[in-house]
C-alpha atoms as a PDB file:
ATOM      1  CA  MET A   1     105.767 107.492  93.813  1.00  0.00           C
ATOM      2  CA  GLY A   2     103.307 110.148  92.862  1.00  0.00           C
ATOM      3  CA  LEU A   3      99.663 109.897  92.205  1.00  0.00           C
ATOM      4  CA  ILE A   4      97.490 106.593  92.205  1.00  0.00           C
ATOM      5  CA  PHE A   5      93.971 106.913  90.857  1.00  0.00           C
ATOM      6  CA  LEU A   6      91.401 104.062  91.843  1.00  0.00           C
ATOM      7  CA  VAL A   7      88.850 103.377  89.187  1.00  0.00           C
ATOM      8  CA  GLY A   8      85.883 100.894  88.925  1.00  0.00           C
ATOM      9  CA  PHE A   9      82.083 100.586  89.015  1.00  0.00           C
ATOM     10  CA  MET A  10      80.241 102.023  92.022  1.00  0.00           C
ATOM     11  CA  GLY A  11      80.340  99.769  94.954  1.00  0.00           C
ATOM     12  CA  CYS A  12      83.765  98.307  94.047  1.00  0.00           C
ATOM     13  CA  GLY A  13      85.334  99.911  96.987  1.00  0.00           C
ATOM     14  CA  LYS A  14      87.384 102.754  95.575  1.00  0.00           C
ATOM     15  CA  THR A  15      86.977 105.040  98.707  1.00  0.00           C
ATOM     16  CA  SER A  16      87.369 102.261 101.290  1.00  0.00           C
ATOM     17  CA  TRP A  17      90.533 100.907  99.606  1.00  0.00           C
ATOM     18  CA  GLY A  18      91.726 104.496  98.950  1.00  0.00           C
ATOM     19  CA  ARG A  19      91.609 105.240 102.817  1.00  0.00           C
ATOM     20  CA  LYS A  20      93.284 101.877 103.680  1.00  0.00           C
ATOM     21  CA  LEU A  21      96.039 102.388 101.004  1.00  0.00           C
ATOM     22  CA  ALA A  22      96.712 105.794 102.096  1.00  0.00           C
ATOM     23  CA  ALA A  23      96.837 104.961 105.717  1.00  0.00           C
ATOM     24  CA  GLY A  24      99.038 101.860 105.007  1.00  0.00           C
ATOM     25  CA  THR A  25     101.565 104.010 102.870  1.00  0.00           C
ATOM     26  CA  GLY A  26     101.585 107.292 104.676  1.00  0.00           C
ATOM     27  CA  TYR A  27     100.063 108.776 101.413  1.00  0.00           C
ATOM     28  CA  ASP A  28      97.346 111.597 101.363  1.00  0.00           C
ATOM     29  CA  PHE A  29      93.826 110.430 100.328  1.00  0.00           C
ATOM     30  CA  ILE A  30      91.367 112.424  98.239  1.00  0.00           C
ATOM     31  CA  ASP A  31      88.043 111.340  97.213  1.00  0.00           C
ATOM     32  CA  LEU A  32      87.179 113.441  94.234  1.00  0.00           C
ATOM     33  CA  ASP A  33      83.388 113.046  94.716  1.00  0.00           C
ATOM     34  CA  HIS A  34      83.879 114.792  98.246  1.00  0.00           C
ATOM     35  CA  THR A  35      86.078 117.603  96.528  1.00  0.00           C
ATOM     36  CA  LEU A  36      83.040 118.029  93.946  1.00  0.00           C
ATOM     37  CA  GLU A  37      80.615 118.166  96.798  1.00  0.00           C
ATOM     38  CA  ALA A  38      82.844 120.674  98.795  1.00  0.00           C
ATOM     39  CA  LYS A  39      82.955 123.002  95.805  1.00  0.00           C
ATOM     40  CA  VAL A  40      79.503 123.192  94.698  1.00  0.00           C
ATOM     41  CA  GLY A  41      77.795 122.694  98.210  1.00  0.00           C
ATOM     42  CA  SER A  42      75.631 119.707  97.533  1.00  0.00           C
ATOM     43  CA  THR A  43      75.660 116.223  97.219  1.00  0.00           C
ATOM     44  CA  VAL A  44      76.733 114.618  93.780  1.00  0.00           C
ATOM     45  CA  ALA A  45      73.018 113.192  93.598  1.00  0.00           C
ATOM     46  CA  GLN A  46      71.610 116.582  94.137  1.00  0.00           C
ATOM     47  CA  TYR A  47      73.984 118.274  91.757  1.00  0.00           C
ATOM     48  CA  PHE A  48      73.114 115.545  89.094  1.00  0.00           C
ATOM     49  CA  ALA A  49      69.488 115.892  89.521  1.00  0.00           C
ATOM     50  CA  ALA A  50      69.455 119.861  89.493  1.00  0.00           C
ATOM     51  CA  HIS A  51      72.011 120.283  86.743  1.00  0.00           C
ATOM     52  CA  GLY A  52      71.847 117.013  84.521  1.00  0.00           C
ATOM     53  CA  GLU A  53      74.580 114.514  83.630  1.00  0.00           C
ATOM     54  CA  GLU A  54      76.479 116.517  80.937  1.00  0.00           C
ATOM     55  CA  SER A  55      77.134 119.533  83.505  1.00  0.00           C
ATOM     56  CA  PHE A  56      78.139 117.072  86.165  1.00  0.00           C
ATOM     57  CA  ARG A  57      80.549 115.089  83.787  1.00  0.00           C
ATOM     58  CA  LYS A  58      82.198 118.526  82.845  1.00  0.00           C
ATOM     59  CA  LEU A  59      82.580 119.607  86.519  1.00  0.00           C
ATOM     60  CA  GLU A  60      84.030 116.171  87.341  1.00  0.00           C
ATOM     61  CA  SER A  61      86.618 116.267  84.611  1.00  0.00           C
ATOM     62  CA  GLU A  62      87.532 119.827  85.580  1.00  0.00           C
ATOM     63  CA  ILE A  63      87.900 119.011  89.295  1.00  0.00           C
ATOM     64  CA  LEU A  64      90.019 115.781  88.217  1.00  0.00           C
ATOM     65  CA  LYS A  65      92.421 118.099  86.396  1.00  0.00           C
ATOM     66  CA  THR A  66      92.722 121.091  88.446  1.00  0.00           C
ATOM     67  CA  THR A  67      92.742 119.626  91.962  1.00  0.00           C
ATOM     68  CA  ASN A  68      96.092 120.353  93.580  1.00  0.00           C
ATOM     69  CA  TYR A  69      97.342 116.959  94.541  1.00  0.00           C
ATOM     70  CA  PRO A  70     100.119 116.545  97.246  1.00  0.00           C
ATOM     71  CA  GLU A  71     103.011 114.704  95.954  1.00  0.00           C
ATOM     72  CA  ASN A  72     102.010 111.171  97.062  1.00  0.00           C
ATOM     73  CA  THR A  73      98.342 110.748  97.046  1.00  0.00           C
ATOM     74  CA  VAL A  74      95.608 108.100  96.412  1.00  0.00           C
ATOM     75  CA  VAL A  75      92.739 109.407  94.556  1.00  0.00           C
ATOM     76  CA  SER A  76      89.171 107.706  94.570  1.00  0.00           C
ATOM     77  CA  THR A  77      87.424 108.405  91.413  1.00  0.00           C
ATOM     78  CA  GLY A  78      83.587 108.476  90.572  1.00  0.00           C
ATOM     79  CA  GLY A  79      82.459 105.341  88.981  1.00  0.00           C
ATOM     80  CA  GLY A  80      81.669 107.147  85.557  1.00  0.00           C
ATOM     81  CA  LEU A  81      84.493 109.700  85.632  1.00  0.00           C
ATOM     82  CA  PRO A  82      87.174 107.468  83.610  1.00  0.00           C
ATOM     83  CA  CYS A  83      84.458 106.965  80.831  1.00  0.00           C
ATOM     84  CA  PHE A  84      84.326 110.598  79.799  1.00  0.00           C
ATOM     85  CA  PHE A  85      86.317 113.057  77.838  1.00  0.00           C
ATOM     86  CA  ASP A  86      90.143 112.071  78.148  1.00  0.00           C
ATOM     87  CA  ASN A  87      89.946 111.494  81.722  1.00  0.00           C
ATOM     88  CA  MET A  88      91.474 107.873  81.717  1.00  0.00           C
ATOM     89  CA  ASP A  89      94.246 109.084  79.577  1.00  0.00           C
ATOM     90  CA  TRP A  90      94.878 111.984  81.635  1.00  0.00           C
ATOM     91  CA  MET A  91      94.867 110.002  85.000  1.00  0.00           C
ATOM     92  CA  ASN A  92      97.426 107.558  83.065  1.00  0.00           C
ATOM     93  CA  SER A  93      99.553 110.354  82.013  1.00  0.00           C
ATOM     94  CA  ASN A  94      99.454 111.793  85.595  1.00  0.00           C
ATOM     95  CA  GLY A  95      99.782 108.719  87.852  1.00  0.00           C
ATOM     96  CA  GLN A  96      99.056 104.927  88.066  1.00  0.00           C
ATOM     97  CA  THR A  97      95.624 103.902  87.724  1.00  0.00           C
ATOM     98  CA  VAL A  98      94.156 100.751  89.633  1.00  0.00           C
ATOM     99  CA  TYR A  99      90.784  99.224  88.164  1.00  0.00           C
ATOM    100  CA  ILE A 100      89.168  97.477  91.342  1.00  0.00           C
ATOM    101  CA  ARG A 101      87.157  94.735  89.196  1.00  0.00           C
ATOM    102  CA  LEU A 102      84.244  92.892  90.510  1.00  0.00           C
ATOM    103  CA  SER A 103      81.551  90.603  89.043  1.00  0.00           C
ATOM    104  CA  PRO A 104      77.919  92.202  88.457  1.00  0.00           C
ATOM    105  CA  LYS A 105      76.816  89.798  91.092  1.00  0.00           C
ATOM    106  CA  ALA A 106      79.383  90.865  93.728  1.00  0.00           C
ATOM    107  CA  LEU A 107      78.662  94.343  93.071  1.00  0.00           C
ATOM    108  CA  GLY A 108      74.925  93.972  93.132  1.00  0.00           C
ATOM    109  CA  ASN A 109      75.372  92.274  96.539  1.00  0.00           C
ATOM    110  CA  ARG A 110      77.285  95.253  97.752  1.00  0.00           C
ATOM    111  CA  LEU A 111      75.074  97.979  96.331  1.00  0.00           C
ATOM    112  CA  GLU A 112      71.783  96.223  97.595  1.00  0.00           C
ATOM    113  CA  ASN A 113      73.278  96.359 101.280  1.00  0.00           C
ATOM    114  CA  ALA A 114      74.988  99.858 100.771  1.00  0.00           C
ATOM    115  CA  LYS A 115      74.311 102.412 103.753  1.00  0.00           C
ATOM    116  CA  THR A 116      74.531 105.282 101.131  1.00  0.00           C
ATOM    117  CA  PRO A 117      71.744 105.117  98.568  1.00  0.00           C
ATOM    118  CA  ARG A 118      72.586 105.598  94.986  1.00  0.00           C
ATOM    119  CA  PRO A 119      70.102 107.617  93.048  1.00  0.00           C
ATOM    120  CA  VAL A 120      70.849 105.886  89.845  1.00  0.00           C
ATOM    121  CA  LEU A 121      69.788 102.531  91.098  1.00  0.00           C
ATOM    122  CA  GLN A 122      66.231 103.774  91.876  1.00  0.00           C
ATOM    123  CA  GLY A 123      65.178 100.914  94.046  1.00  0.00           C
ATOM    124  CA  LYS A 124      66.521  98.232  91.869  1.00  0.00           C
ATOM    125  CA  LYS A 125      67.115  95.048  93.596  1.00  0.00           C
ATOM    126  CA  GLY A 126      68.226  91.381  92.849  1.00  0.00           C
ATOM    127  CA  ASP A 127      68.106  90.342  89.301  1.00  0.00           C
ATOM    128  CA  GLU A 128      66.961  93.727  88.045  1.00  0.00           C
ATOM    129  CA  LEU A 129      70.004  95.233  89.964  1.00  0.00           C
ATOM    130  CA  VAL A 130      72.433  92.723  88.543  1.00  0.00           C
ATOM    131  CA  GLU A 131      71.150  93.139  84.923  1.00  0.00           C
ATOM    132  CA  PHE A 132      71.455  96.971  85.331  1.00  0.00           C
ATOM    133  CA  ILE A 133      75.042  96.428  86.447  1.00  0.00           C
ATOM    134  CA  GLU A 134      75.869  94.184  83.656  1.00  0.00           C
ATOM    135  CA  HIS A 135      74.655  96.553  81.199  1.00  0.00           C
ATOM    136  CA  LYS A 136      76.520  99.641  82.569  1.00  0.00           C
ATOM    137  CA  LEU A 137      79.416  97.714  83.256  1.00  0.00           C
ATOM    138  CA  ALA A 138      79.609  96.522  79.503  1.00  0.00           C
ATOM    139  CA  GLU A 139      79.577 100.247  78.564  1.00  0.00           C
ATOM    140  CA  ARG A 140      82.291 101.201  80.923  1.00  0.00           C
ATOM    141  CA  GLU A 141      84.546  98.224  81.044  1.00  0.00           C
ATOM    142  CA  GLY A 142      86.668  99.236  78.101  1.00  0.00           C
ATOM    143  CA  TYR A 143      87.595 102.416  79.846  1.00  0.00           C
ATOM    144  CA  TYR A 144      88.453 100.728  83.237  1.00  0.00           C
ATOM    145  CA  LEU A 145      90.677  98.175  81.305  1.00  0.00           C
ATOM    146  CA  LYS A 146      92.889 101.062  80.156  1.00  0.00           C
ATOM    147  CA  ALA A 147      94.040 101.252  83.658  1.00  0.00           C
ATOM    148  CA  THR A 148      97.837 100.471  84.718  1.00  0.00           C
ATOM    149  CA  HIS A 149      96.789  97.725  86.803  1.00  0.00           C
ATOM    150  CA  THR A 150      93.598  95.708  87.125  1.00  0.00           C
ATOM    151  CA  ILE A 151      93.082  93.854  90.550  1.00  0.00           C
ATOM    152  CA  SER A 152      90.372  91.677  91.782  1.00  0.00           C
ATOM    153  CA  GLY A 153      88.149  93.323  94.542  1.00  0.00           C
ATOM    154  CA  MET A 154      87.316  90.057  96.048  1.00  0.00           C
ATOM    155  CA  ASP A 155      90.654  89.319  97.601  1.00  0.00           C
ATOM    156  CA  MET A 156      92.150  92.675  97.842  1.00  0.00           C
ATOM    157  CA  SER A 157      94.568  93.697 100.722  1.00  0.00           C
ATOM    158  CA  VAL A 158      96.626  96.792 101.042  1.00  0.00           C
ATOM    159  CA  GLU A 159      99.653  94.339 100.749  1.00  0.00           C
ATOM    160  CA  LYS A 160      98.428  93.292  97.303  1.00  0.00           C
ATOM    161  CA  LEU A 161      97.783  96.855  96.493  1.00  0.00           C
ATOM    162  CA  VAL A 162     101.295  97.927  97.472  1.00  0.00           C
ATOM    163  CA  GLY A 163     102.742  94.938  95.705  1.00  0.00           C
ATOM    164  CA  VAL A 164     101.021  95.622  92.378  1.00  0.00           C
ATOM    165  CA  LEU A 165     101.893  99.448  92.584  1.00  0.00           C
ATOM    166  CA  GLY A 166     105.551  98.944  93.642  1.00  0.00           C
ATOM    167  CA  ILE A 167     105.451 101.150  96.498  1.00  0.00           C
END
């Protein structure tokens, strides 16, 4: 069936669902953030802080387009990746894309309780965090909605993903 790219806001479950979908279908799984970290030898947050957003976005796009993907692979992308250059069009041309959609409130709850700190959130909590997410999501959702499929992150299951993707 080819490549499946999971897109959506940070905290929507791209990596978790990517792993579950890959395990449930026998597909390979690639987390592009981890691929980038392995290439540069630092975390995304460290690279972002040291080199800035423009350099990060260029590298992220290059990694998206030059990674040698096995034939059937689920790919988890960074939350901002679809919003830069022609990345969303490239993913749509090279596989199926799935936007995992959640409300700002649901994303806020997940991110506030996340084990992995997100530098871009810089200690935002409660209403301030939800407001930040609403603003960012308003900027990004137009890109996310170009995905082949949109699925609610609230009642997700591997079975629903498999059904939507037709695999």
